Amino acid sequence: MNENDAKKVLESVLFASSEVLTVKQLRGVLGNAHEHGVAALLDDLNREYESTSRTFRIVQIGDGYQMRTLPMYRTWIQKAEPLRPTKLSPAMLETLAIVAYRQPVTRAEVEHLRGVDSSFALRTLLEKKLARILGKDKGPGRAILYGTSKEFLSLFNLSDLKDLPTLEDFDLPAPPEQQPSLPLADVG
């Protein structure tokens, strides 16, 4: 298969798939292509899309790839076919944030940080495939360890967990212990 045919095959497979496809899966479709060969072909496709002002790109999500429309066209896509958004309660969002930033994390650690029972929120996040079980803790009781999934990365349009925002990304006031102290007025 020549390079042009390989790009057409990759493009059609990614276009038809609603799931993130790994490099291994894409290599399997192409046959003998090496891992860096697949990435190079995908880069070529993205350059072609950009040079011809296409409204979509192939994006990396975790260790795989998916074809996505550019964010600037979201409004029109939703007008044509409204997407059912993933609804998460504040408790689920808080739990998901703890799992994302602290993973691998146990339910007890999540509950300690939240101050409330988090079993329902964790179970719902598992059902929605936004969280996954990573294994068991080596400590006493062998508690289950939770982490985020590819679906989490996809939902929040992240290619990697390193892309999560940090505290520096938010314009938050410094904690009280880091704020300069003001002199007290003499009341007398």
N, C-alpha and C. Protein backbone atom coordinates (compact mmCIF):
# COMPACT_ATOMS: atom_id res chain seq x y z
N MET A 1 0.87 -1.17 0.00
CA MET A 1 0.00 0.00 0.00
C MET A 1 0.91 1.23 0.00
N ASN A 2 0.66 2.15 -0.93
CA ASN A 2 1.49 3.36 -0.96
C ASN A 2 1.00 4.37 0.08
N GLU A 3 1.79 5.42 0.26
CA GLU A 3 1.52 6.41 1.30
C GLU A 3 0.16 7.09 1.10
N ASN A 4 -0.18 7.43 -0.13
CA ASN A 4 -1.43 8.10 -0.41
C ASN A 4 -2.63 7.20 -0.06
N ASP A 5 -2.54 5.92 -0.41
CA ASP A 5 -3.61 4.98 -0.07
C ASP A 5 -3.71 4.79 1.44
N ALA A 6 -2.55 4.73 2.12
CA ALA A 6 -2.53 4.57 3.57
C ALA A 6 -3.22 5.75 4.25
N LYS A 7 -2.98 6.97 3.75
CA LYS A 7 -3.64 8.15 4.33
C LYS A 7 -5.15 8.08 4.11
N LYS A 8 -5.58 7.63 2.94
CA LYS A 8 -7.02 7.51 2.67
C LYS A 8 -7.67 6.49 3.60
N VAL A 9 -6.97 5.38 3.84
CA VAL A 9 -7.50 4.36 4.74
C VAL A 9 -7.61 4.91 6.15
N LEU A 10 -6.55 5.56 6.64
CA LEU A 10 -6.59 6.15 7.98
C LEU A 10 -7.71 7.17 8.10
N GLU A 11 -7.84 8.03 7.10
CA GLU A 11 -8.87 9.06 7.11
C GLU A 11 -10.26 8.43 7.17
N SER A 12 -10.51 7.42 6.38
CA SER A 12 -11.84 6.81 6.35
C SER A 12 -12.15 6.07 7.65
N VAL A 13 -11.15 5.37 8.22
CA VAL A 13 -11.36 4.64 9.47
C VAL A 13 -11.64 5.62 10.61
N LEU A 14 -10.87 6.70 10.69
CA LEU A 14 -11.09 7.70 11.74
C LEU A 14 -12.42 8.42 11.55
N PHE A 15 -12.78 8.70 10.31
CA PHE A 15 -14.04 9.36 10.02
C PHE A 15 -15.23 8.51 10.45
N ALA A 16 -15.14 7.21 10.24
CA ALA A 16 -16.25 6.31 10.53
C ALA A 16 -16.35 5.94 12.00
N SER A 17 -15.27 6.13 12.76
CA SER A 17 -15.26 5.70 14.15
C SER A 17 -15.73 6.79 15.10
N SER A 18 -16.59 6.41 16.03
CA SER A 18 -17.00 7.37 17.06
C SER A 18 -16.11 7.23 18.30
N GLU A 19 -15.22 6.26 18.28
CA GLU A 19 -14.31 6.00 19.40
C GLU A 19 -12.90 6.50 19.09
N VAL A 20 -12.13 6.69 20.13
CA VAL A 20 -10.71 7.00 19.98
C VAL A 20 -10.01 5.71 19.55
N LEU A 21 -9.20 5.79 18.51
CA LEU A 21 -8.48 4.61 18.02
C LEU A 21 -7.00 4.75 18.36
N THR A 22 -6.43 3.70 18.92
CA THR A 22 -5.02 3.73 19.30
C THR A 22 -4.14 3.54 18.08
N VAL A 23 -2.86 3.89 18.23
CA VAL A 23 -1.89 3.70 17.16
C VAL A 23 -1.81 2.22 16.81
N LYS A 24 -1.90 1.36 17.82
CA LYS A 24 -1.84 -0.09 17.59
C LYS A 24 -3.02 -0.52 16.70
N GLN A 25 -4.21 0.00 16.98
CA GLN A 25 -5.38 -0.33 16.16
C GLN A 25 -5.20 0.17 14.73
N LEU A 26 -4.70 1.40 14.60
CA LEU A 26 -4.50 1.97 13.27
C LEU A 26 -3.42 1.22 12.50
N ARG A 27 -2.36 0.82 13.20
CA ARG A 27 -1.31 0.01 12.57
C ARG A 27 -1.89 -1.32 12.08
N GLY A 28 -2.77 -1.89 12.91
CA GLY A 28 -3.40 -3.16 12.53
C GLY A 28 -4.21 -3.04 11.25
N VAL A 29 -4.87 -1.89 11.07
CA VAL A 29 -5.66 -1.66 9.86
C VAL A 29 -4.73 -1.55 8.65
N LEU A 30 -3.61 -0.86 8.82
CA LEU A 30 -2.69 -0.63 7.71
C LEU A 30 -1.79 -1.82 7.42
N GLY A 31 -1.60 -2.68 8.38
CA GLY A 31 -0.72 -3.82 8.16
C GLY A 31 0.68 -3.55 8.67
N ASN A 32 1.63 -3.33 7.80
CA ASN A 32 3.04 -3.26 8.18
C ASN A 32 3.53 -1.88 8.59
N ALA A 33 2.67 -0.88 8.67
CA ALA A 33 3.12 0.48 9.01
C ALA A 33 3.68 0.51 10.43
N HIS A 34 4.77 1.20 10.62
CA HIS A 34 5.37 1.36 11.95
C HIS A 34 4.66 2.46 12.70
N GLU A 35 4.81 2.47 14.02
CA GLU A 35 4.13 3.44 14.87
C GLU A 35 4.41 4.86 14.42
N HIS A 36 5.70 5.19 14.21
CA HIS A 36 6.02 6.57 13.80
C HIS A 36 5.50 6.84 12.40
N GLY A 37 5.31 5.78 11.59
CA GLY A 37 4.73 5.94 10.26
C GLY A 37 3.29 6.39 10.33
N VAL A 38 2.52 5.83 11.25
CA VAL A 38 1.13 6.21 11.42
C VAL A 38 1.05 7.67 11.87
N ALA A 39 1.87 8.03 12.84
CA ALA A 39 1.86 9.42 13.33
C ALA A 39 2.24 10.39 12.22
N ALA A 40 3.21 10.02 11.41
CA ALA A 40 3.62 10.90 10.30
C ALA A 40 2.49 11.04 9.28
N LEU A 41 1.79 9.94 8.99
CA LEU A 41 0.67 10.01 8.05
C LEU A 41 -0.45 10.89 8.60
N LEU A 42 -0.72 10.78 9.90
CA LEU A 42 -1.75 11.62 10.52
C LEU A 42 -1.35 13.09 10.49
N ASP A 43 -0.07 13.37 10.73
CA ASP A 43 0.43 14.75 10.64
C ASP A 43 0.25 15.28 9.22
N ASP A 44 0.55 14.46 8.22
CA ASP A 44 0.36 14.86 6.82
C ASP A 44 -1.11 15.19 6.54
N LEU A 45 -2.01 14.33 7.03
CA LEU A 45 -3.44 14.59 6.84
C LEU A 45 -3.84 15.91 7.48
N ASN A 46 -3.38 16.17 8.71
CA ASN A 46 -3.73 17.42 9.38
C ASN A 46 -3.19 18.63 8.62
N ARG A 47 -1.99 18.51 8.06
CA ARG A 47 -1.44 19.62 7.26
C ARG A 47 -2.31 19.86 6.02
N GLU A 48 -2.76 18.77 5.40
CA GLU A 48 -3.65 18.90 4.24
C GLU A 48 -4.96 19.57 4.64
N TYR A 49 -5.53 19.16 5.78
CA TYR A 49 -6.78 19.75 6.24
C TYR A 49 -6.61 21.24 6.50
N GLU A 50 -5.49 21.59 7.13
CA GLU A 50 -5.24 22.99 7.45
C GLU A 50 -5.01 23.81 6.17
N SER A 51 -4.24 23.29 5.25
CA SER A 51 -3.93 24.04 4.03
C SER A 51 -5.16 24.23 3.15
N THR A 52 -6.15 23.34 3.27
CA THR A 52 -7.38 23.48 2.48
C THR A 52 -8.54 24.03 3.30
N SER A 53 -8.22 24.57 4.49
CA SER A 53 -9.21 25.19 5.38
C SER A 53 -10.37 24.26 5.73
N ARG A 54 -10.06 22.99 6.01
CA ARG A 54 -11.09 22.04 6.44
C ARG A 54 -11.54 22.39 7.85
N THR A 55 -12.74 21.98 8.20
CA THR A 55 -13.32 22.32 9.50
C THR A 55 -13.05 21.27 10.56
N PHE A 56 -12.17 20.34 10.29
CA PHE A 56 -11.89 19.26 11.22
C PHE A 56 -10.39 18.97 11.24
N ARG A 57 -9.99 18.26 12.29
CA ARG A 57 -8.60 17.82 12.43
C ARG A 57 -8.61 16.45 13.10
N ILE A 58 -7.49 15.77 13.01
CA ILE A 58 -7.29 14.53 13.75
C ILE A 58 -6.54 14.92 15.01
N VAL A 59 -7.15 14.66 16.16
CA VAL A 59 -6.56 15.08 17.43
C VAL A 59 -6.13 13.86 18.24
N GLN A 60 -5.08 14.06 19.03
CA GLN A 60 -4.61 13.00 19.91
C GLN A 60 -5.38 13.08 21.22
N ILE A 61 -5.95 11.96 21.61
CA ILE A 61 -6.69 11.83 22.86
C ILE A 61 -6.05 10.67 23.61
N GLY A 62 -5.33 10.97 24.67
CA GLY A 62 -4.62 9.92 25.40
C GLY A 62 -3.60 9.26 24.49
N ASP A 63 -3.70 7.95 24.35
CA ASP A 63 -2.75 7.24 23.49
C ASP A 63 -3.37 6.90 22.14
N GLY A 64 -4.45 7.60 21.76
CA GLY A 64 -5.11 7.33 20.49
C GLY A 64 -5.45 8.61 19.74
N TYR A 65 -6.20 8.43 18.66
CA TYR A 65 -6.56 9.55 17.79
C TYR A 65 -8.04 9.50 17.45
N GLN A 66 -8.58 10.69 17.19
CA GLN A 66 -9.98 10.79 16.79
C GLN A 66 -10.15 12.00 15.90
N MET A 67 -11.06 11.91 14.94
CA MET A 67 -11.36 13.03 14.08
C MET A 67 -12.37 13.92 14.79
N ARG A 68 -12.07 15.22 14.86
CA ARG A 68 -12.93 16.17 15.56
C ARG A 68 -13.11 17.44 14.73
N THR A 69 -14.29 18.04 14.83
CA THR A 69 -14.48 19.34 14.20
C THR A 69 -13.80 20.40 15.04
N LEU A 70 -13.46 21.50 14.42
CA LEU A 70 -12.82 22.59 15.14
C LEU A 70 -13.82 23.22 16.10
N PRO A 71 -13.36 23.64 17.29
CA PRO A 71 -14.27 24.18 18.31
C PRO A 71 -15.12 25.37 17.82
N MET A 72 -14.61 26.14 16.89
CA MET A 72 -15.35 27.33 16.44
C MET A 72 -16.65 26.98 15.72
N TYR A 73 -16.86 25.72 15.35
CA TYR A 73 -18.07 25.31 14.64
C TYR A 73 -19.07 24.60 15.54
N ARG A 74 -18.78 24.53 16.82
CA ARG A 74 -19.63 23.83 17.78
C ARG A 74 -21.07 24.36 17.77
N THR A 75 -21.24 25.67 17.75
CA THR A 75 -22.58 26.26 17.79
C THR A 75 -23.44 25.78 16.64
N TRP A 76 -22.89 25.75 15.45
CA TRP A 76 -23.66 25.34 14.28
C TRP A 76 -23.95 23.84 14.30
N ILE A 77 -23.02 23.07 14.77
CA ILE A 77 -23.24 21.62 14.87
C ILE A 77 -24.37 21.34 15.85
N GLN A 78 -24.38 22.05 16.96
CA GLN A 78 -25.43 21.83 17.96
C GLN A 78 -26.79 22.27 17.44
N LYS A 79 -26.83 23.28 16.58
CA LYS A 79 -28.10 23.70 15.98
C LYS A 79 -28.64 22.62 15.05
N ALA A 80 -27.75 21.97 14.32
CA ALA A 80 -28.16 20.93 13.37
C ALA A 80 -28.58 19.65 14.08
N GLU A 81 -27.84 19.26 15.07
CA GLU A 81 -28.12 18.03 15.81
C GLU A 81 -27.66 18.22 17.24
N PRO A 82 -28.56 18.68 18.10
CA PRO A 82 -28.15 18.93 19.48
C PRO A 82 -27.57 17.67 20.12
N LEU A 83 -26.41 17.82 20.69
CA LEU A 83 -25.77 16.70 21.39
C LEU A 83 -26.31 16.62 22.80
N ARG A 84 -26.45 15.40 23.28
CA ARG A 84 -26.86 15.25 24.67
C ARG A 84 -25.62 15.41 25.53
N PRO A 85 -25.54 16.52 26.23
CA PRO A 85 -24.34 16.73 27.04
C PRO A 85 -24.27 15.75 28.21
N THR A 86 -23.06 15.46 28.62
CA THR A 86 -22.86 14.63 29.80
C THR A 86 -23.16 15.50 31.01
N LYS A 87 -24.18 15.12 31.75
CA LYS A 87 -24.58 15.92 32.91
C LYS A 87 -23.91 15.36 34.15
N LEU A 88 -23.23 16.24 34.85
CA LEU A 88 -22.56 15.86 36.09
C LEU A 88 -22.99 16.82 37.19
N SER A 89 -23.40 16.27 38.30
CA SER A 89 -23.79 17.11 39.44
C SER A 89 -22.53 17.74 40.04
N PRO A 90 -22.71 18.77 40.87
CA PRO A 90 -21.54 19.36 41.53
C PRO A 90 -20.74 18.33 42.34
N ALA A 91 -21.44 17.38 42.97
CA ALA A 91 -20.74 16.35 43.75
C ALA A 91 -19.90 15.46 42.83
N MET A 92 -20.45 15.12 41.66
CA MET A 92 -19.70 14.29 40.71
C MET A 92 -18.51 15.05 40.13
N LEU A 93 -18.71 16.34 39.84
CA LEU A 93 -17.60 17.14 39.32
C LEU A 93 -16.48 17.27 40.35
N GLU A 94 -16.88 17.49 41.59
CA GLU A 94 -15.88 17.59 42.67
C GLU A 94 -15.12 16.28 42.82
N THR A 95 -15.84 15.18 42.80
CA THR A 95 -15.22 13.86 42.91
C THR A 95 -14.31 13.60 41.72
N LEU A 96 -14.78 13.92 40.52
CA LEU A 96 -13.97 13.72 39.31
C LEU A 96 -12.70 14.56 39.34
N ALA A 97 -12.79 15.78 39.84
CA ALA A 97 -11.61 16.64 39.94
C ALA A 97 -10.59 16.03 40.90
N ILE A 98 -11.07 15.51 42.02
CA ILE A 98 -10.15 14.88 42.98
C ILE A 98 -9.48 13.66 42.35
N VAL A 99 -10.26 12.85 41.66
CA VAL A 99 -9.70 11.66 41.00
C VAL A 99 -8.67 12.09 39.95
N ALA A 100 -9.00 13.11 39.16
CA ALA A 100 -8.11 13.55 38.08
C ALA A 100 -6.78 14.07 38.61
N TYR A 101 -6.84 14.88 39.65
CA TYR A 101 -5.61 15.51 40.15
C TYR A 101 -4.83 14.65 41.14
N ARG A 102 -5.49 13.70 41.80
CA ARG A 102 -4.82 12.91 42.83
C ARG A 102 -4.56 11.46 42.43
N GLN A 103 -4.96 11.04 41.24
CA GLN A 103 -4.88 9.63 40.88
C GLN A 103 -3.47 9.07 40.93
N PRO A 104 -3.33 7.82 41.30
CA PRO A 104 -4.37 6.89 41.75
C PRO A 104 -4.83 7.25 43.16
N VAL A 105 -6.13 7.16 43.40
CA VAL A 105 -6.71 7.59 44.67
C VAL A 105 -7.75 6.57 45.12
N THR A 106 -7.85 6.38 46.43
CA THR A 106 -8.85 5.46 46.98
C THR A 106 -10.13 6.23 47.30
N ARG A 107 -11.22 5.49 47.49
CA ARG A 107 -12.48 6.12 47.87
C ARG A 107 -12.33 6.84 49.21
N ALA A 108 -11.59 6.25 50.14
CA ALA A 108 -11.39 6.86 51.46
C ALA A 108 -10.68 8.22 51.32
N GLU A 109 -9.71 8.30 50.44
CA GLU A 109 -9.00 9.57 50.24
C GLU A 109 -9.93 10.62 49.63
N VAL A 110 -10.77 10.20 48.67
CA VAL A 110 -11.75 11.12 48.07
C VAL A 110 -12.70 11.61 49.15
N GLU A 111 -13.20 10.69 49.97
CA GLU A 111 -14.15 11.06 51.02
C GLU A 111 -13.51 11.95 52.08
N HIS A 112 -12.24 11.72 52.38
CA HIS A 112 -11.53 12.58 53.33
C HIS A 112 -11.45 14.01 52.79
N LEU A 113 -11.14 14.16 51.51
CA LEU A 113 -11.03 15.49 50.92
C LEU A 113 -12.38 16.17 50.78
N ARG A 114 -13.41 15.41 50.42
CA ARG A 114 -14.74 15.98 50.23
C ARG A 114 -15.47 16.14 51.56
N GLY A 115 -15.18 15.28 52.52
CA GLY A 115 -15.86 15.34 53.81
C GLY A 115 -17.21 14.65 53.82
N VAL A 116 -17.56 13.93 52.76
CA VAL A 116 -18.84 13.22 52.68
C VAL A 116 -18.65 11.89 51.96
N ASP A 117 -19.64 11.01 52.08
CA ASP A 117 -19.62 9.73 51.38
C ASP A 117 -19.59 9.99 49.88
N SER A 118 -18.70 9.33 49.17
CA SER A 118 -18.54 9.56 47.73
C SER A 118 -18.78 8.30 46.91
N SER A 119 -19.33 7.27 47.52
CA SER A 119 -19.51 6.01 46.80
C SER A 119 -20.47 6.16 45.62
N PHE A 120 -21.57 6.92 45.77
CA PHE A 120 -22.52 7.10 44.67
C PHE A 120 -21.86 7.87 43.52
N ALA A 121 -21.13 8.93 43.84
CA ALA A 121 -20.47 9.72 42.80
C ALA A 121 -19.43 8.88 42.05
N LEU A 122 -18.64 8.11 42.79
CA LEU A 122 -17.65 7.26 42.14
C LEU A 122 -18.31 6.20 41.26
N ARG A 123 -19.37 5.59 41.76
CA ARG A 123 -20.08 4.56 40.98
C ARG A 123 -20.65 5.17 39.69
N THR A 124 -21.22 6.37 39.78
CA THR A 124 -21.77 7.03 38.61
C THR A 124 -20.68 7.38 37.61
N LEU A 125 -19.53 7.85 38.10
CA LEU A 125 -18.42 8.18 37.20
C LEU A 125 -17.89 6.93 36.51
N LEU A 126 -17.90 5.80 37.21
CA LEU A 126 -17.52 4.53 36.59
C LEU A 126 -18.53 4.12 35.51
N GLU A 127 -19.82 4.29 35.80
CA GLU A 127 -20.87 3.95 34.83
C GLU A 127 -20.77 4.82 33.58
N LYS A 128 -20.45 6.10 33.77
CA LYS A 128 -20.32 7.02 32.64
C LYS A 128 -18.96 6.87 31.95
N LYS A 129 -18.13 5.98 32.48
CA LYS A 129 -16.80 5.67 31.95
C LYS A 129 -15.86 6.87 31.97
N LEU A 130 -16.09 7.78 32.93
CA LEU A 130 -15.18 8.92 33.10
C LEU A 130 -14.08 8.58 34.09
N ALA A 131 -14.33 7.59 34.93
CA ALA A 131 -13.32 7.09 35.87
C ALA A 131 -13.20 5.60 35.63
N ARG A 132 -12.07 5.05 36.07
CA ARG A 132 -11.85 3.62 35.92
C ARG A 132 -11.07 3.10 37.11
N ILE A 133 -11.12 1.81 37.31
CA ILE A 133 -10.37 1.17 38.40
C ILE A 133 -8.98 0.87 37.89
N LEU A 134 -7.98 1.37 38.62
CA LEU A 134 -6.59 1.19 38.22
C LEU A 134 -5.95 -0.04 38.85
N GLY A 135 -6.54 -0.54 39.92
CA GLY A 135 -5.98 -1.69 40.62
C GLY A 135 -6.33 -1.60 42.09
N LYS A 136 -5.47 -2.21 42.91
CA LYS A 136 -5.69 -2.19 44.36
C LYS A 136 -4.47 -1.65 45.06
N ASP A 137 -4.72 -0.92 46.14
CA ASP A 137 -3.66 -0.36 46.97
C ASP A 137 -2.90 -1.50 47.65
N LYS A 138 -1.62 -1.30 47.88
CA LYS A 138 -0.81 -2.33 48.53
C LYS A 138 -0.97 -2.30 50.06
N GLY A 139 -1.61 -1.27 50.58
CA GLY A 139 -1.76 -1.12 52.03
C GLY A 139 -2.82 -2.05 52.60
N PRO A 140 -3.07 -1.91 53.91
CA PRO A 140 -4.05 -2.76 54.58
C PRO A 140 -5.43 -2.60 53.94
N GLY A 141 -6.12 -3.71 53.77
CA GLY A 141 -7.46 -3.68 53.20
C GLY A 141 -7.48 -3.70 51.69
N ARG A 142 -6.33 -3.45 51.07
CA ARG A 142 -6.21 -3.48 49.61
C ARG A 142 -7.35 -2.70 48.93
N ALA A 143 -7.47 -1.42 49.28
CA ALA A 143 -8.53 -0.56 48.74
C ALA A 143 -8.39 -0.40 47.23
N ILE A 144 -9.51 -0.21 46.55
CA ILE A 144 -9.53 -0.01 45.11
C ILE A 144 -8.96 1.37 44.78
N LEU A 145 -8.13 1.43 43.75
CA LEU A 145 -7.55 2.69 43.29
C LEU A 145 -8.29 3.17 42.05
N TYR A 146 -8.66 4.45 42.04
CA TYR A 146 -9.41 5.04 40.93
C TYR A 146 -8.53 6.02 40.16
N GLY A 147 -8.82 6.13 38.88
CA GLY A 147 -8.16 7.10 38.01
C GLY A 147 -9.12 7.49 36.91
N THR A 148 -8.69 8.39 36.05
CA THR A 148 -9.53 8.83 34.94
C THR A 148 -9.36 7.91 33.73
N SER A 149 -10.24 8.07 32.76
CA SER A 149 -10.27 7.20 31.58
C SER A 149 -10.02 8.00 30.31
N LYS A 150 -9.97 7.29 29.19
CA LYS A 150 -9.85 7.96 27.89
C LYS A 150 -11.08 8.83 27.63
N GLU A 151 -12.25 8.36 28.08
CA GLU A 151 -13.48 9.13 27.90
C GLU A 151 -13.39 10.46 28.65
N PHE A 152 -12.73 10.46 29.80
CA PHE A 152 -12.51 11.71 30.54
C PHE A 152 -11.69 12.66 29.69
N LEU A 153 -10.58 12.16 29.14
CA LEU A 153 -9.74 13.00 28.28
C LEU A 153 -10.53 13.52 27.09
N SER A 154 -11.32 12.65 26.50
CA SER A 154 -12.11 13.03 25.33
C SER A 154 -13.16 14.09 25.68
N LEU A 155 -13.88 13.89 26.79
CA LEU A 155 -14.92 14.83 27.20
C LEU A 155 -14.36 16.23 27.44
N PHE A 156 -13.18 16.30 28.05
CA PHE A 156 -12.59 17.59 28.38
C PHE A 156 -11.56 18.04 27.33
N ASN A 157 -11.53 17.33 26.20
CA ASN A 157 -10.67 17.67 25.06
C ASN A 157 -9.21 17.80 25.48
N LEU A 158 -8.73 16.82 26.20
CA LEU A 158 -7.34 16.79 26.66
C LEU A 158 -6.60 15.68 25.93
N SER A 159 -5.37 15.95 25.53
CA SER A 159 -4.59 14.87 24.91
C SER A 159 -3.88 14.06 25.98
N ASP A 160 -3.66 14.66 27.14
CA ASP A 160 -2.92 14.00 28.21
C ASP A 160 -3.31 14.66 29.53
N LEU A 161 -3.09 13.97 30.64
CA LEU A 161 -3.39 14.55 31.95
C LEU A 161 -2.52 15.76 32.25
N LYS A 162 -1.36 15.85 31.60
CA LYS A 162 -0.49 17.01 31.79
C LYS A 162 -1.16 18.30 31.32
N ASP A 163 -2.21 18.16 30.49
CA ASP A 163 -2.92 19.33 29.97
C ASP A 163 -3.98 19.87 30.93
N LEU A 164 -4.16 19.20 32.08
CA LEU A 164 -5.10 19.72 33.08
C LEU A 164 -4.62 21.08 33.56
N PRO A 165 -5.53 22.01 33.79
CA PRO A 165 -5.09 23.32 34.29
C PRO A 165 -4.47 23.21 35.67
N THR A 166 -3.53 24.08 35.94
CA THR A 166 -2.90 24.14 37.25
C THR A 166 -3.46 25.34 38.00
N LEU A 167 -3.12 25.47 39.28
CA LEU A 167 -3.60 26.61 40.06
C LEU A 167 -3.12 27.93 39.45
N GLU A 168 -1.94 27.91 38.85
CA GLU A 168 -1.41 29.14 38.24
C GLU A 168 -2.26 29.60 37.05
N ASP A 169 -3.03 28.66 36.45
CA ASP A 169 -3.88 28.99 35.31
C ASP A 169 -5.11 29.79 35.73
N PHE A 170 -5.42 29.79 37.01
CA PHE A 170 -6.57 30.51 37.52
C PHE A 170 -6.10 31.77 38.24
N ASP A 171 -6.88 32.81 38.15
CA ASP A 171 -6.54 34.08 38.81
C ASP A 171 -7.19 34.06 40.20
N LEU A 172 -6.57 33.32 41.11
CA LEU A 172 -7.10 33.18 42.45
C LEU A 172 -6.26 33.98 43.44
N PRO A 173 -6.89 34.51 44.49
CA PRO A 173 -6.09 35.19 45.51
C PRO A 173 -5.21 34.18 46.24
N ALA A 174 -4.11 34.67 46.74
CA ALA A 174 -3.19 33.80 47.49
C ALA A 174 -3.86 33.33 48.77
N PRO A 175 -3.51 32.13 49.26
CA PRO A 175 -4.05 31.67 50.54
C PRO A 175 -3.70 32.68 51.64
N PRO A 176 -4.53 32.76 52.71
CA PRO A 176 -4.31 33.76 53.76
C PRO A 176 -2.90 33.77 54.33
N GLU A 177 -2.27 32.59 54.45
CA GLU A 177 -0.93 32.55 55.03
C GLU A 177 0.13 33.16 54.09
N GLN A 178 -0.22 33.35 52.81
CA GLN A 178 0.73 33.93 51.86
C GLN A 178 0.44 35.40 51.56
N GLN A 179 -0.68 35.93 52.09
CA GLN A 179 -1.02 37.32 51.83
C GLN A 179 -0.27 38.20 52.82
N PRO A 180 0.12 39.39 52.36
CA PRO A 180 0.84 40.28 53.27
C PRO A 180 -0.08 40.70 54.43
N SER A 181 0.49 40.78 55.62
CA SER A 181 -0.32 41.19 56.76
C SER A 181 -0.40 42.71 56.83
N LEU A 182 -1.55 43.18 57.22
CA LEU A 182 -1.79 44.61 57.32
C LEU A 182 -1.63 45.01 58.78
N PRO A 183 -1.06 46.19 59.04
CA PRO A 183 -0.94 46.63 60.43
C PRO A 183 -2.31 46.89 61.02
N LEU A 184 -2.50 46.51 62.27
CA LEU A 184 -3.79 46.73 62.94
C LEU A 184 -3.85 48.16 63.43
N ALA A 185 -5.05 48.73 63.30
CA ALA A 185 -5.24 50.11 63.77
C ALA A 185 -5.27 50.11 65.28
N ASP A 186 -4.72 51.16 65.88
CA ASP A 186 -4.70 51.28 67.34
C ASP A 186 -6.04 51.82 67.78
N VAL A 187 -6.80 50.99 68.49
CA VAL A 187 -8.11 51.40 68.97
C VAL A 187 -7.92 51.83 70.42
N GLY A 188 -8.05 53.08 70.72
CA GLY A 188 -7.77 53.44 72.07
C GLY A 188 -8.30 54.66 72.55
